[in-house]
Amino acid sequence: MQSSSLRRRTGLAALALTLLSALPAVAQDKVRFQTDWIPSGEHAMYYGAWSKGIYAKHGIDITITRGYGSGDTVTKVASGAADFGVADIAAVMTARARTNVPIKTIAVLYNESPHSLFVLKSSGITSFKGLEGKKIGITPGNSHRFYFPEVAKKAGTDPNKLIWTNMDGAAMAAQLIAKNIDAAPFYSIHYYYINKAAVKAGEEILPLPFVEVGFKIYAATLITTDKMAQDKPDLVKRFLAASKEAFEWAAANPEEACKLHVARFPEVELDDCMGSVKAVMKFVFNDHSKEFGWGKESPERLKFSWETIATANELKSDFDYKTAIDTSKVAK
C-alpha cells in the first residue's frame, strides 16, 4: 500500500510539473524608449542595461531608439510613437506651457546643466561675447537654443544676430571640425570623443560651458505622458526602478556597460564611450543626488530652472510649472 501511495504521489507531482511547464511564461510589458540623441557613450547605461537584462528583470521588454533632439523626443512621446523618452526639462516645460502637450518629467537625470557651445581653438572664439554673425549648428527643438538668448545677453552678445543652421545631430561635430559652422551646441560630456576627432584633423575643441555665466539648472530628464502615468503607474515605477539600476550599474561598471554598448554600435570606440559615461555620472551622482536622491528635484533649483526657461522662451510667468514634473514614482 505504501508503495502504491508513493507511486500515486510521485505521479501527481510529475503531472503538476508537466502542467506548470506547459503554462506560458508571464508576459513582460513591451516598452518603446527613445533617447534624445545619437547612441554615443552618453546612453551606454540604457543600451548596456538592455543587453544585460536589467530592464527584463523589472518585467520590461524594452526597445530603445535614438533621438533627434529633445523637441523630437517630446513630440514622439506625446504622439504615442514612444512610451518613455529622454528630453531636456526645457523642452518639456516649453511644450506644456505653450500648447499644453500632455507630457511630463518623471525623473531628473542631470541635476546640473552640461550645456555648452563647442568651438575650434583656431577660430579665435574664446567666450560667448562677440558671436554676432556666427553660424551655429542646431537640431530642431534643441534645448541649447531655448537657453542661449539669456546666455548671450549675460555675455553682451545680441542673440538676434546669430545665424542658426539646422542639421542632424550626427553631422554637427563633423561640420564644426570642417569649419562649415563656427560653433555647435553639445553637452560638455561629449568633449572627449569630439575633441579626439578634432585632433585627428589637426584641430582642437574649446568648450564654452553655460555654467560660466551662472547657468546651474536641470537638464536631461526621463519623460512620459500624463495618460501613461495615470493608467499604468506600476509600469512607470518599474521603468524608473530599472533606469535607476542602469545608472548605478554603469557608474560602478563603466567598462562593462561600454563593451555591451559598443557591441550594439561598433562605430563607437570603447575609450570614447567610457569617457562619456564617466563624464555623465558627475551630473547625476553628486551633492544634489546625495541630498534629494536619484531622479528627485530640489524645489529651489526647479523654480530657478523654470524662471530661466520662461525668460529664455518668453513663456507666461503665471504658468504652473509644477504640472510639468512628477517624480513621485521614483523609488526612494
C-alpha atoms as a PDB file:
ATOM      1  CA  MET A   1       0.000   0.000   0.000  1.00  0.00           C
ATOM      2  CA  GLN A   2       2.820   2.341   0.880  1.00  0.00           C
ATOM      3  CA  SER A   3       4.401   1.590  -2.484  1.00  0.00           C
ATOM      4  CA  SER A   4       1.120   2.324  -4.290  1.00  0.00           C
ATOM      5  CA  SER A   5       0.648   5.566  -2.343  1.00  0.00           C
ATOM      6  CA  LEU A   6       4.195   6.631  -3.115  1.00  0.00           C
ATOM      7  CA  ARG A   7       3.688   5.933  -6.814  1.00  0.00           C
ATOM      8  CA  ARG A   8       0.444   7.932  -6.760  1.00  0.00           C
ATOM      9  CA  ARG A   9       2.104  10.933  -5.079  1.00  0.00           C
ATOM     10  CA  THR A  10       5.049  10.719  -7.469  1.00  0.00           C
ATOM     11  CA  GLY A  11       2.678  10.597 -10.420  1.00  0.00           C
ATOM     12  CA  LEU A  12       0.721  13.621  -9.163  1.00  0.00           C
ATOM     13  CA  ALA A  13       3.952  15.571  -8.647  1.00  0.00           C
ATOM     14  CA  ALA A  14       5.112  14.713 -12.156  1.00  0.00           C
ATOM     15  CA  LEU A  15       1.730  15.758 -13.567  1.00  0.00           C
ATOM     16  CA  ALA A  16       1.925  19.061 -11.699  1.00  0.00           C
ATOM     17  CA  LEU A  17       5.393  19.746 -13.078  1.00  0.00           C
ATOM     18  CA  THR A  18       4.204  18.913 -16.571  1.00  0.00           C
ATOM     19  CA  LEU A  19       1.252  21.289 -16.258  1.00  0.00           C
ATOM     20  CA  LEU A  20       3.430  24.072 -14.851  1.00  0.00           C
ATOM     21  CA  SER A  21       5.968  23.696 -17.621  1.00  0.00           C
ATOM     22  CA  ALA A  22       3.169  23.844 -20.169  1.00  0.00           C
ATOM     23  CA  LEU A  23       1.931  27.216 -18.840  1.00  0.00           C
ATOM     24  CA  PRO A  24       3.053  30.235 -20.878  1.00  0.00           C
ATOM     25  CA  ALA A  25       5.734  32.444 -19.334  1.00  0.00           C
ATOM     26  CA  VAL A  26       4.440  35.617 -17.705  1.00  0.00           C
ATOM     27  CA  ALA A  27       4.392  38.234 -20.457  1.00  0.00           C
ATOM     28  CA  GLN A  28       6.589  41.283 -19.996  1.00  0.00           C
ATOM     29  CA  ASP A  29       5.365  44.776 -20.761  1.00  0.00           C
ATOM     30  CA  LYS A  30       6.628  45.971 -24.119  1.00  0.00           C
ATOM     31  CA  VAL A  31       8.125  49.448 -23.814  1.00  0.00           C
ATOM     32  CA  ARG A  32       9.393  51.749 -26.568  1.00  0.00           C
ATOM     33  CA  PHE A  33      12.026  54.099 -25.221  1.00  0.00           C
ATOM     34  CA  GLN A  34      13.526  56.952 -27.239  1.00  0.00           C
ATOM     35  CA  THR A  35      16.689  58.772 -26.187  1.00  0.00           C
ATOM     36  CA  ASP A  36      17.425  62.386 -27.029  1.00  0.00           C
ATOM     37  CA  TRP A  37      20.482  61.963 -29.221  1.00  0.00           C
ATOM     38  CA  ILE A  38      22.713  59.674 -31.260  1.00  0.00           C
ATOM     39  CA  PRO A  39      23.796  56.483 -29.407  1.00  0.00           C
ATOM     40  CA  SER A  40      27.089  57.791 -28.034  1.00  0.00           C
ATOM     41  CA  GLY A  41      28.551  56.710 -24.716  1.00  0.00           C
ATOM     42  CA  GLU A  42      26.129  59.106 -23.035  1.00  0.00           C
ATOM     43  CA  HIS A  43      23.480  56.424 -23.495  1.00  0.00           C
ATOM     44  CA  ALA A  44      25.558  53.348 -22.656  1.00  0.00           C
ATOM     45  CA  MET A  45      23.680  52.858 -19.397  1.00  0.00           C
ATOM     46  CA  TYR A  46      20.421  52.303 -21.313  1.00  0.00           C
ATOM     47  CA  TYR A  47      21.679  50.115 -24.133  1.00  0.00           C
ATOM     48  CA  GLY A  48      24.048  48.258 -21.817  1.00  0.00           C
ATOM     49  CA  ALA A  49      21.257  47.579 -19.331  1.00  0.00           C
ATOM     50  CA  TRP A  50      19.083  46.366 -22.200  1.00  0.00           C
ATOM     51  CA  SER A  51      21.736  43.818 -23.165  1.00  0.00           C
ATOM     52  CA  LYS A  52      22.450  42.843 -19.573  1.00  0.00           C
ATOM     53  CA  GLY A  53      18.779  42.171 -18.876  1.00  0.00           C
ATOM     54  CA  ILE A  54      18.238  44.865 -16.233  1.00  0.00           C
ATOM     55  CA  TYR A  55      15.008  46.079 -17.822  1.00  0.00           C
ATOM     56  CA  ALA A  56      13.834  42.494 -18.348  1.00  0.00           C
ATOM     57  CA  LYS A  57      14.447  41.807 -14.660  1.00  0.00           C
ATOM     58  CA  HIS A  58      11.878  44.506 -13.916  1.00  0.00           C
ATOM     59  CA  GLY A  59       9.317  42.909 -16.235  1.00  0.00           C
ATOM     60  CA  ILE A  60      10.026  45.186 -19.193  1.00  0.00           C
ATOM     61  CA  ASP A  61      10.617  44.064 -22.774  1.00  0.00           C
ATOM     62  CA  ILE A  62      12.325  47.249 -23.907  1.00  0.00           C
ATOM     63  CA  THR A  63      13.196  48.574 -27.348  1.00  0.00           C
ATOM     64  CA  ILE A  64      15.451  51.628 -27.456  1.00  0.00           C
ATOM     65  CA  THR A  65      15.744  54.007 -30.407  1.00  0.00           C
ATOM     66  CA  ARG A  66      17.971  57.026 -30.902  1.00  0.00           C
ATOM     67  CA  GLY A  67      16.600  60.551 -30.655  1.00  0.00           C
ATOM     68  CA  TYR A  68      16.990  63.661 -32.793  1.00  0.00           C
ATOM     69  CA  GLY A  69      16.958  66.297 -30.073  1.00  0.00           C
ATOM     70  CA  SER A  70      14.728  66.847 -27.067  1.00  0.00           C
ATOM     71  CA  GLY A  71      11.996  68.517 -29.105  1.00  0.00           C
ATOM     72  CA  ASP A  72      11.660  65.487 -31.351  1.00  0.00           C
ATOM     73  CA  THR A  73      11.540  63.107 -28.384  1.00  0.00           C
ATOM     74  CA  VAL A  74       8.823  65.179 -26.714  1.00  0.00           C
ATOM     75  CA  THR A  75       6.791  65.029 -29.921  1.00  0.00           C
ATOM     76  CA  LYS A  76       7.287  61.271 -30.312  1.00  0.00           C
ATOM     77  CA  VAL A  77       6.268  60.510 -26.727  1.00  0.00           C
ATOM     78  CA  ALA A  78       3.284  62.861 -26.849  1.00  0.00           C
ATOM     79  CA  SER A  79       2.059  61.265 -30.101  1.00  0.00           C
ATOM     80  CA  GLY A  80       2.380  57.721 -28.740  1.00  0.00           C
ATOM     81  CA  ALA A  81       5.276  56.744 -31.018  1.00  0.00           C
ATOM     82  CA  ALA A  82       7.322  56.115 -27.846  1.00  0.00           C
ATOM     83  CA  ASP A  83       6.227  55.269 -24.317  1.00  0.00           C
ATOM     84  CA  PHE A  84       9.120  56.898 -22.472  1.00  0.00           C
ATOM     85  CA  GLY A  85      11.898  59.210 -23.513  1.00  0.00           C
ATOM     86  CA  VAL A  86      14.884  61.310 -22.546  1.00  0.00           C
ATOM     87  CA  ALA A  87      14.359  65.042 -23.011  1.00  0.00           C
ATOM     88  CA  ASP A  88      15.659  68.247 -21.533  1.00  0.00           C
ATOM     89  CA  ILE A  89      13.299  69.730 -18.969  1.00  0.00           C
ATOM     90  CA  ALA A  90      13.255  72.943 -21.025  1.00  0.00           C
ATOM     91  CA  ALA A  91      11.610  71.140 -23.945  1.00  0.00           C
ATOM     92  CA  VAL A  92       9.081  69.550 -21.582  1.00  0.00           C
ATOM     93  CA  MET A  93       8.133  72.781 -19.819  1.00  0.00           C
ATOM     94  CA  THR A  94       8.030  74.801 -23.024  1.00  0.00           C
ATOM     95  CA  ALA A  95       5.758  72.309 -24.798  1.00  0.00           C
ATOM     96  CA  ARG A  96       3.478  72.145 -21.791  1.00  0.00           C
ATOM     97  CA  ALA A  97       3.338  75.904 -21.213  1.00  0.00           C
ATOM     98  CA  ARG A  98       2.754  76.832 -24.859  1.00  0.00           C
ATOM     99  CA  THR A  99       0.348  74.185 -26.123  1.00  0.00           C
ATOM    100  CA  ASN A 100      -0.458  72.069 -23.067  1.00  0.00           C
ATOM    101  CA  VAL A 101       1.255  68.999 -24.532  1.00  0.00           C
ATOM    102  CA  PRO A 102       0.295  66.187 -22.082  1.00  0.00           C
ATOM    103  CA  ILE A 103       3.834  65.053 -21.218  1.00  0.00           C
ATOM    104  CA  LYS A 104       5.821  65.435 -18.035  1.00  0.00           C
ATOM    105  CA  THR A 105       9.191  64.778 -16.457  1.00  0.00           C
ATOM    106  CA  ILE A 106       9.087  61.696 -14.215  1.00  0.00           C
ATOM    107  CA  ALA A 107      12.749  61.709 -13.121  1.00  0.00           C
ATOM    108  CA  VAL A 108      15.563  64.256 -13.233  1.00  0.00           C
ATOM    109  CA  LEU A 109      18.738  62.763 -14.732  1.00  0.00           C
ATOM    110  CA  TYR A 110      21.202  65.657 -14.999  1.00  0.00           C
ATOM    111  CA  ASN A 111      20.678  67.764 -11.900  1.00  0.00           C
ATOM    112  CA  GLU A 112      23.273  70.238 -13.160  1.00  0.00           C
ATOM    113  CA  SER A 113      23.366  71.537 -16.701  1.00  0.00           C
ATOM    114  CA  PRO A 114      26.151  70.322 -19.025  1.00  0.00           C
ATOM    115  CA  HIS A 115      25.007  72.703 -21.793  1.00  0.00           C
ATOM    116  CA  SER A 116      27.857  74.286 -23.714  1.00  0.00           C
ATOM    117  CA  LEU A 117      28.983  75.564 -27.088  1.00  0.00           C
ATOM    118  CA  PHE A 118      31.923  73.850 -28.763  1.00  0.00           C
ATOM    119  CA  VAL A 119      34.209  75.991 -30.915  1.00  0.00           C
ATOM    120  CA  LEU A 120      37.581  75.377 -32.519  1.00  0.00           C
ATOM    121  CA  LYS A 121      40.553  76.954 -30.784  1.00  0.00           C
ATOM    122  CA  SER A 122      41.766  78.044 -34.220  1.00  0.00           C
ATOM    123  CA  SER A 123      38.591  80.144 -34.641  1.00  0.00           C
ATOM    124  CA  GLY A 124      39.779  82.678 -32.110  1.00  0.00           C
ATOM    125  CA  ILE A 125      36.454  82.476 -30.247  1.00  0.00           C
ATOM    126  CA  THR A 126      37.153  82.297 -26.517  1.00  0.00           C
ATOM    127  CA  SER A 127      33.839  83.331 -24.922  1.00  0.00           C
ATOM    128  CA  PHE A 128      30.171  83.968 -25.630  1.00  0.00           C
ATOM    129  CA  LYS A 129      30.929  87.612 -26.362  1.00  0.00           C
ATOM    130  CA  GLY A 130      31.131  88.710 -29.979  1.00  0.00           C
ATOM    131  CA  LEU A 131      29.246  85.837 -31.605  1.00  0.00           C
ATOM    132  CA  GLU A 132      27.087  88.107 -33.761  1.00  0.00           C
ATOM    133  CA  GLY A 133      27.058  86.900 -37.363  1.00  0.00           C
ATOM    134  CA  LYS A 134      28.492  83.485 -36.448  1.00  0.00           C
ATOM    135  CA  LYS A 135      26.908  80.283 -37.771  1.00  0.00           C
ATOM    136  CA  ILE A 136      25.787  77.904 -35.035  1.00  0.00           C
ATOM    137  CA  GLY A 137      24.588  74.386 -35.825  1.00  0.00           C
ATOM    138  CA  ILE A 138      21.365  73.265 -34.161  1.00  0.00           C
ATOM    139  CA  THR A 139      18.816  70.433 -34.200  1.00  0.00           C
ATOM    140  CA  PRO A 140      15.055  71.159 -34.119  1.00  0.00           C
ATOM    141  CA  GLY A 141      13.851  71.642 -30.551  1.00  0.00           C
ATOM    142  CA  ASN A 142      17.379  71.574 -29.140  1.00  0.00           C
ATOM    143  CA  SER A 143      17.360  72.907 -25.571  1.00  0.00           C
ATOM    144  CA  HIS A 144      20.583  74.856 -26.125  1.00  0.00           C
ATOM    145  CA  ARG A 145      18.690  77.233 -28.373  1.00  0.00           C
ATOM    146  CA  PHE A 146      15.998  77.703 -25.737  1.00  0.00           C
ATOM    147  CA  TYR A 147      18.584  78.893 -23.252  1.00  0.00           C
ATOM    148  CA  PHE A 148      21.148  80.630 -25.394  1.00  0.00           C
ATOM    149  CA  PRO A 149      19.409  84.025 -25.697  1.00  0.00           C
ATOM    150  CA  GLU A 150      19.851  84.540 -21.954  1.00  0.00           C
ATOM    151  CA  VAL A 151      23.425  83.247 -22.036  1.00  0.00           C
ATOM    152  CA  ALA A 152      24.199  85.621 -24.904  1.00  0.00           C
ATOM    153  CA  LYS A 153      22.636  88.585 -23.138  1.00  0.00           C
ATOM    154  CA  LYS A 154      24.670  87.910 -19.997  1.00  0.00           C
ATOM    155  CA  ALA A 155      27.801  87.867 -22.163  1.00  0.00           C
ATOM    156  CA  GLY A 156      26.924  91.071 -24.003  1.00  0.00           C
ATOM    157  CA  THR A 157      26.040  89.395 -27.299  1.00  0.00           C
ATOM    158  CA  ASP A 158      22.925  90.245 -29.310  1.00  0.00           C
ATOM    159  CA  PRO A 159      21.029  86.925 -29.594  1.00  0.00           C
ATOM    160  CA  ASN A 160      19.068  88.228 -32.583  1.00  0.00           C
ATOM    161  CA  LYS A 161      22.231  88.457 -34.685  1.00  0.00           C
ATOM    162  CA  LEU A 162      23.216  84.800 -34.505  1.00  0.00           C
ATOM    163  CA  ILE A 163      22.817  82.536 -37.548  1.00  0.00           C
ATOM    164  CA  TRP A 164      21.254  79.210 -36.551  1.00  0.00           C
ATOM    165  CA  THR A 165      21.779  76.401 -39.073  1.00  0.00           C
ATOM    166  CA  ASN A 166      19.518  73.339 -38.778  1.00  0.00           C
ATOM    167  CA  MET A 167      21.176  69.951 -39.252  1.00  0.00           C
ATOM    168  CA  ASP A 168      21.135  66.374 -37.995  1.00  0.00           C
ATOM    169  CA  GLY A 169      22.854  65.905 -34.667  1.00  0.00           C
ATOM    170  CA  ALA A 170      25.175  63.275 -36.107  1.00  0.00           C
ATOM    171  CA  ALA A 171      26.590  65.834 -38.552  1.00  0.00           C
ATOM    172  CA  MET A 172      27.295  68.720 -36.210  1.00  0.00           C
ATOM    173  CA  ALA A 173      30.725  67.710 -34.914  1.00  0.00           C
ATOM    174  CA  ALA A 174      31.999  66.983 -38.418  1.00  0.00           C
ATOM    175  CA  GLN A 175      30.596  70.269 -39.704  1.00  0.00           C
ATOM    176  CA  LEU A 176      32.303  72.150 -36.882  1.00  0.00           C
ATOM    177  CA  ILE A 177      35.664  70.434 -37.447  1.00  0.00           C
ATOM    178  CA  ALA A 178      35.356  71.123 -41.193  1.00  0.00           C
ATOM    179  CA  LYS A 179      34.730  74.808 -40.342  1.00  0.00           C
ATOM    180  CA  ASN A 180      31.371  74.867 -42.127  1.00  0.00           C
ATOM    181  CA  ILE A 181      29.899  76.288 -38.910  1.00  0.00           C
ATOM    182  CA  ASP A 182      31.529  78.420 -36.238  1.00  0.00           C
ATOM    183  CA  ALA A 183      30.068  76.737 -33.183  1.00  0.00           C
ATOM    184  CA  ALA A 184      27.945  73.744 -32.218  1.00  0.00           C
ATOM    185  CA  PRO A 185      25.902  73.094 -29.072  1.00  0.00           C
ATOM    186  CA  PHE A 186      26.835  69.976 -27.134  1.00  0.00           C
ATOM    187  CA  TYR A 187      26.629  68.719 -23.598  1.00  0.00           C
ATOM    188  CA  SER A 188      30.134  69.053 -22.206  1.00  0.00           C
ATOM    189  CA  ILE A 189      30.164  65.297 -21.608  1.00  0.00           C
ATOM    190  CA  HIS A 190      30.773  64.831 -25.355  1.00  0.00           C
ATOM    191  CA  TYR A 191      34.092  66.671 -25.247  1.00  0.00           C
ATOM    192  CA  TYR A 192      36.321  63.571 -25.079  1.00  0.00           C
ATOM    193  CA  TYR A 193      35.374  61.893 -28.341  1.00  0.00           C
ATOM    194  CA  ILE A 194      34.630  65.072 -30.299  1.00  0.00           C
ATOM    195  CA  ASN A 195      37.990  66.576 -29.384  1.00  0.00           C
ATOM    196  CA  LYS A 196      39.623  63.260 -30.289  1.00  0.00           C
ATOM    197  CA  ALA A 197      38.142  63.570 -33.797  1.00  0.00           C
ATOM    198  CA  ALA A 198      39.220  67.214 -33.988  1.00  0.00           C
ATOM    199  CA  VAL A 199      42.806  66.392 -33.049  1.00  0.00           C
ATOM    200  CA  LYS A 200      42.951  63.824 -35.857  1.00  0.00           C
ATOM    201  CA  ALA A 201      42.038  66.663 -38.235  1.00  0.00           C
ATOM    202  CA  GLY A 202      44.690  68.958 -36.787  1.00  0.00           C
ATOM    203  CA  GLU A 203      42.227  70.990 -34.728  1.00  0.00           C
ATOM    204  CA  GLU A 204      41.294  71.264 -31.045  1.00  0.00           C
ATOM    205  CA  ILE A 205      37.913  71.824 -29.388  1.00  0.00           C
ATOM    206  CA  LEU A 206      37.320  74.584 -26.867  1.00  0.00           C
ATOM    207  CA  PRO A 207      34.157  74.030 -24.796  1.00  0.00           C
ATOM    208  CA  LEU A 208      32.265  77.086 -23.553  1.00  0.00           C
ATOM    209  CA  PRO A 209      30.040  75.849 -20.666  1.00  0.00           C
ATOM    210  CA  PHE A 210      26.838  77.758 -19.993  1.00  0.00           C
ATOM    211  CA  VAL A 211      27.531  77.466 -16.248  1.00  0.00           C
ATOM    212  CA  GLU A 212      30.270  80.052 -16.731  1.00  0.00           C
ATOM    213  CA  VAL A 213      27.504  82.670 -16.717  1.00  0.00           C
ATOM    214  CA  GLY A 214      25.684  81.183 -13.710  1.00  0.00           C
ATOM    215  CA  PHE A 215      23.577  78.653 -15.588  1.00  0.00           C
ATOM    216  CA  LYS A 216      23.002  75.954 -12.926  1.00  0.00           C
ATOM    217  CA  ILE A 217      19.698  74.355 -13.883  1.00  0.00           C
ATOM    218  CA  TYR A 218      18.184  70.948 -14.552  1.00  0.00           C
ATOM    219  CA  ALA A 219      18.816  69.383 -17.951  1.00  0.00           C
ATOM    220  CA  ALA A 220      18.103  65.832 -19.213  1.00  0.00           C
ATOM    221  CA  THR A 221      15.097  64.074 -17.702  1.00  0.00           C
ATOM    222  CA  LEU A 222      13.001  60.960 -18.229  1.00  0.00           C
ATOM    223  CA  ILE A 223       9.542  61.715 -19.601  1.00  0.00           C
ATOM    224  CA  THR A 224       6.214  60.068 -20.327  1.00  0.00           C
ATOM    225  CA  THR A 225       2.622  61.093 -20.988  1.00  0.00           C
ATOM    226  CA  ASP A 226       0.024  62.036 -18.392  1.00  0.00           C
ATOM    227  CA  LYS A 227      -2.027  59.068 -19.566  1.00  0.00           C
ATOM    228  CA  MET A 228       0.798  56.579 -19.038  1.00  0.00           C
ATOM    229  CA  ALA A 229       1.495  57.963 -15.564  1.00  0.00           C
ATOM    230  CA  GLN A 230      -2.185  57.749 -14.654  1.00  0.00           C
ATOM    231  CA  ASP A 231      -3.192  54.469 -16.328  1.00  0.00           C
ATOM    232  CA  LYS A 232      -0.044  52.393 -15.759  1.00  0.00           C
ATOM    233  CA  PRO A 233       1.598  53.623 -12.554  1.00  0.00           C
ATOM    234  CA  ASP A 234       3.155  50.229 -11.822  1.00  0.00           C
ATOM    235  CA  LEU A 235       4.850  50.140 -15.222  1.00  0.00           C
ATOM    236  CA  VAL A 236       6.158  53.673 -14.702  1.00  0.00           C
ATOM    237  CA  LYS A 237       7.570  52.675 -11.309  1.00  0.00           C
ATOM    238  CA  ARG A 238       9.256  49.595 -12.757  1.00  0.00           C
ATOM    239  CA  PHE A 239      10.682  51.572 -15.676  1.00  0.00           C
ATOM    240  CA  LEU A 240      12.128  54.135 -13.272  1.00  0.00           C
ATOM    241  CA  ALA A 241      13.492  51.447 -10.954  1.00  0.00           C
ATOM    242  CA  ALA A 242      15.191  49.730 -13.909  1.00  0.00           C
ATOM    243  CA  SER A 243      16.616  53.032 -15.160  1.00  0.00           C
ATOM    244  CA  LYS A 244      17.940  53.899 -11.708  1.00  0.00           C
ATOM    245  CA  GLU A 245      19.591  50.485 -11.513  1.00  0.00           C
ATOM    246  CA  ALA A 246      21.002  51.005 -15.018  1.00  0.00           C
ATOM    247  CA  PHE A 247      22.688  54.253 -13.965  1.00  0.00           C
ATOM    248  CA  GLU A 248      24.050  52.788 -10.735  1.00  0.00           C
ATOM    249  CA  TRP A 249      25.367  49.725 -12.577  1.00  0.00           C
ATOM    250  CA  ALA A 250      27.012  51.787 -15.325  1.00  0.00           C
ATOM    251  CA  ALA A 251      28.587  54.150 -12.787  1.00  0.00           C
ATOM    252  CA  ALA A 252      30.146  51.188 -10.968  1.00  0.00           C
ATOM    253  CA  ASN A 253      30.969  49.231 -14.149  1.00  0.00           C
ATOM    254  CA  PRO A 254      31.670  51.704 -16.982  1.00  0.00           C
ATOM    255  CA  GLU A 255      33.809  49.282 -18.970  1.00  0.00           C
ATOM    256  CA  GLU A 256      31.217  46.502 -18.875  1.00  0.00           C
ATOM    257  CA  ALA A 257      28.458  48.940 -19.825  1.00  0.00           C
ATOM    258  CA  CYS A 258      30.529  50.288 -22.700  1.00  0.00           C
ATOM    259  CA  LYS A 259      31.522  46.876 -24.020  1.00  0.00           C
ATOM    260  CA  LEU A 260      27.849  45.938 -24.251  1.00  0.00           C
ATOM    261  CA  HIS A 261      27.083  49.317 -25.826  1.00  0.00           C
ATOM    262  CA  VAL A 262      29.875  49.011 -28.395  1.00  0.00           C
ATOM    263  CA  ALA A 263      28.662  45.521 -29.280  1.00  0.00           C
ATOM    264  CA  ARG A 264      25.453  47.188 -30.482  1.00  0.00           C
ATOM    265  CA  PHE A 265      27.188  50.216 -32.000  1.00  0.00           C
ATOM    266  CA  PRO A 266      30.644  49.222 -33.301  1.00  0.00           C
ATOM    267  CA  GLU A 267      31.161  52.748 -34.632  1.00  0.00           C
ATOM    268  CA  VAL A 268      31.505  53.933 -31.008  1.00  0.00           C
ATOM    269  CA  GLU A 269      35.033  53.366 -29.725  1.00  0.00           C
ATOM    270  CA  LEU A 270      35.404  51.875 -26.252  1.00  0.00           C
ATOM    271  CA  ASP A 271      37.550  54.676 -24.831  1.00  0.00           C
ATOM    272  CA  ASP A 272      35.167  57.312 -26.208  1.00  0.00           C
ATOM    273  CA  CYS A 273      32.249  55.534 -24.578  1.00  0.00           C
ATOM    274  CA  MET A 274      33.983  55.262 -21.232  1.00  0.00           C
ATOM    275  CA  GLY A 275      34.964  58.917 -21.359  1.00  0.00           C
ATOM    276  CA  SER A 276      31.329  59.889 -21.886  1.00  0.00           C
ATOM    277  CA  VAL A 277      29.963  57.575 -19.186  1.00  0.00           C
ATOM    278  CA  LYS A 278      32.391  58.891 -16.574  1.00  0.00           C
ATOM    279  CA  ALA A 279      31.577  62.488 -17.544  1.00  0.00           C
ATOM    280  CA  VAL A 280      27.817  61.833 -17.378  1.00  0.00           C
ATOM    281  CA  MET A 281      27.923  60.496 -13.846  1.00  0.00           C
ATOM    282  CA  LYS A 282      29.248  63.798 -12.463  1.00  0.00           C
ATOM    283  CA  PHE A 283      25.936  65.380 -13.430  1.00  0.00           C
ATOM    284  CA  VAL A 284      23.883  62.504 -11.994  1.00  0.00           C
ATOM    285  CA  PHE A 285      25.610  61.444  -8.769  1.00  0.00           C
ATOM    286  CA  ASN A 286      26.788  64.429  -6.749  1.00  0.00           C
ATOM    287  CA  ASP A 287      25.896  66.525  -3.696  1.00  0.00           C
ATOM    288  CA  HIS A 288      22.422  67.179  -5.121  1.00  0.00           C
ATOM    289  CA  SER A 289      21.626  63.475  -5.522  1.00  0.00           C
ATOM    290  CA  LYS A 290      23.003  62.760  -2.053  1.00  0.00           C
ATOM    291  CA  GLU A 291      20.608  65.300  -0.566  1.00  0.00           C
ATOM    292  CA  PHE A 292      17.492  64.701  -2.647  1.00  0.00           C
ATOM    293  CA  GLY A 293      18.020  61.244  -4.175  1.00  0.00           C
ATOM    294  CA  TRP A 294      18.409  59.963  -7.737  1.00  0.00           C
ATOM    295  CA  GLY A 295      15.730  61.367 -10.023  1.00  0.00           C
ATOM    296  CA  LYS A 296      14.363  63.816  -7.475  1.00  0.00           C
ATOM    297  CA  GLU A 297      14.287  67.591  -7.644  1.00  0.00           C
ATOM    298  CA  SER A 298      15.086  70.450  -5.304  1.00  0.00           C
ATOM    299  CA  PRO A 299      12.162  72.920  -5.107  1.00  0.00           C
ATOM    300  CA  GLU A 300      14.603  75.831  -5.260  1.00  0.00           C
ATOM    301  CA  ARG A 301      16.519  74.571  -8.316  1.00  0.00           C
ATOM    302  CA  LEU A 302      13.276  73.595 -10.048  1.00  0.00           C
ATOM    303  CA  LYS A 303      11.949  77.124  -9.552  1.00  0.00           C
ATOM    304  CA  PHE A 304      15.177  78.665 -10.855  1.00  0.00           C
ATOM    305  CA  SER A 305      15.146  76.292 -13.821  1.00  0.00           C
ATOM    306  CA  TRP A 306      11.584  77.301 -14.678  1.00  0.00           C
ATOM    307  CA  GLU A 307      12.314  81.021 -14.351  1.00  0.00           C
ATOM    308  CA  THR A 308      15.332  80.658 -16.634  1.00  0.00           C
ATOM    309  CA  ILE A 309      13.366  78.635 -19.190  1.00  0.00           C
ATOM    310  CA  ALA A 310      10.392  81.015 -19.073  1.00  0.00           C
ATOM    311  CA  THR A 311      12.595  84.062 -19.614  1.00  0.00           C
ATOM    312  CA  ALA A 312      14.583  82.442 -22.430  1.00  0.00           C
ATOM    313  CA  ASN A 313      11.435  81.348 -24.280  1.00  0.00           C
ATOM    314  CA  GLU A 314       9.127  84.235 -23.375  1.00  0.00           C
ATOM    315  CA  LEU A 315       6.655  81.930 -21.644  1.00  0.00           C
ATOM    316  CA  LYS A 316       3.797  83.123 -19.462  1.00  0.00           C
ATOM    317  CA  SER A 317       5.202  83.617 -15.980  1.00  0.00           C
ATOM    318  CA  ASP A 318       1.934  82.518 -14.323  1.00  0.00           C
ATOM    319  CA  PHE A 319       2.085  79.012 -15.819  1.00  0.00           C
ATOM    320  CA  ASP A 320       2.046  76.325 -13.113  1.00  0.00           C
ATOM    321  CA  TYR A 321       5.400  74.743 -13.981  1.00  0.00           C
ATOM    322  CA  LYS A 322       4.888  72.028 -11.365  1.00  0.00           C
ATOM    323  CA  THR A 323       2.330  70.383 -13.665  1.00  0.00           C
ATOM    324  CA  ALA A 324       5.245  69.514 -15.961  1.00  0.00           C
ATOM    325  CA  ILE A 325       7.005  67.324 -13.419  1.00  0.00           C
ATOM    326  CA  ASP A 326       6.023  64.448 -11.131  1.00  0.00           C
ATOM    327  CA  THR A 327       8.829  62.374  -9.659  1.00  0.00           C
ATOM    328  CA  SER A 328       6.620  60.659  -7.076  1.00  0.00           C
ATOM    329  CA  LYS A 329       7.057  57.271  -8.763  1.00  0.00           C
ATOM    330  CA  VAL A 330      10.846  57.281  -8.319  1.00  0.00           C
ATOM    331  CA  ALA A 331      11.768  54.759  -5.635  1.00  0.00           C
ATOM    332  CA  LYS A 332      13.396  56.239  -2.550  1.00  0.00           C
END
